Amino acid sequence: MQITIRPEHEELISPVLHSGAYANADESIGRALEVLRADDGWLAVNRTLMESLYQVSAGAQEDLFEIWRRIG
């Protein structure tokens, strides 16, 4: 597969490569995709949690943020 990198993305990749953190652009993009996948997983879990907390707090006199503070 070949992809085209937009100039603004090249500007983000270039310093990473020059730092020596990754051997090539493929490694740096691979790492970025791993982080994105993990972030998406975190968001999915916490979105569900927040929706549940909202439903619980809707029937209570307690503020949603107070519930989150106690369990977080």
Protein backbone atom coordinates (compact mmCIF):
# COMPACT_ATOMS: atom_id res chain seq x y z
CA MET A 1 0.00 0.00 0.00
CA GLN A 2 1.24 3.44 -0.81
CA ILE A 3 -0.03 6.53 0.93
CA THR A 4 0.49 10.22 0.40
CA ILE A 5 1.41 12.31 3.41
CA ARG A 6 0.14 15.85 3.49
CA PRO A 7 2.78 18.55 4.03
CA GLU A 8 1.42 19.45 7.47
CA HIS A 9 1.79 15.81 8.53
CA GLU A 10 5.31 15.66 7.14
CA GLU A 11 6.10 18.62 9.38
CA LEU A 12 4.97 16.55 12.37
CA ILE A 13 6.88 13.43 11.33
CA SER A 14 10.17 15.10 10.40
CA PRO A 15 11.20 16.22 13.91
CA VAL A 16 10.38 12.78 15.27
CA LEU A 17 12.66 11.15 12.72
CA HIS A 18 15.44 13.67 13.36
CA SER A 19 15.21 12.99 17.10
CA GLY A 20 16.16 9.37 16.47
CA ALA A 21 13.10 8.08 18.32
CA TYR A 22 12.05 6.09 15.26
CA ALA A 23 14.13 4.70 12.41
CA ASN A 24 11.72 5.71 9.66
CA ALA A 25 8.36 7.26 8.91
CA ASP A 26 6.65 3.87 8.90
CA GLU A 27 7.66 3.25 12.52
CA SER A 28 6.51 6.69 13.65
CA ILE A 29 3.16 6.38 11.87
CA GLY A 30 2.73 2.86 13.26
CA ARG A 31 3.25 4.18 16.78
CA ALA A 32 0.81 7.01 16.17
CA LEU A 33 -1.81 4.50 15.05
CA GLU A 34 -1.23 2.38 18.17
CA VAL A 35 -1.76 5.45 20.36
CA LEU A 36 -4.89 6.37 18.41
CA ARG A 37 -6.30 2.86 18.85
CA ALA A 38 -5.65 2.97 22.60
CA ASP A 39 -7.16 6.44 22.84
CA ASP A 40 -10.27 5.31 20.95
CA GLY A 41 -10.62 2.38 23.36
CA TRP A 42 -10.32 4.67 26.36
CA LEU A 43 -12.91 7.02 24.88
CA ALA A 44 -15.37 4.19 24.21
CA VAL A 45 -15.08 2.87 27.78
CA ASN A 46 -15.38 6.27 29.39
CA ARG A 47 -18.19 7.44 27.12
CA THR A 48 -20.24 4.45 28.29
CA LEU A 49 -19.33 5.18 31.89
CA MET A 50 -20.30 8.84 31.56
CA GLU A 51 -23.63 7.92 29.94
CA SER A 52 -24.35 5.52 32.81
CA LEU A 53 -23.44 8.14 35.38
CA TYR A 54 -25.69 10.65 33.67
CA GLN A 55 -28.61 8.23 33.82
CA VAL A 56 -27.94 7.57 37.51
CA SER A 57 -27.62 11.25 38.33
CA ALA A 58 -30.78 12.13 36.37
CA GLY A 59 -32.85 10.28 38.96
CA ALA A 60 -30.88 11.56 41.93
CA GLN A 61 -30.33 14.89 43.57
CA GLU A 62 -26.60 14.37 43.29
CA ASP A 63 -24.52 16.19 40.72
CA LEU A 64 -22.88 14.06 37.98
CA PHE A 65 -19.47 15.59 38.68
CA GLU A 66 -19.74 14.70 42.36
CA ILE A 67 -20.42 11.05 41.45
CA TRP A 68 -17.47 11.08 39.02
CA ARG A 69 -15.20 12.61 41.67
CA ARG A 70 -16.05 9.88 44.17
CA ILE A 71 -15.47 6.95 41.80
CA GLY A 72 -12.63 8.46 39.78
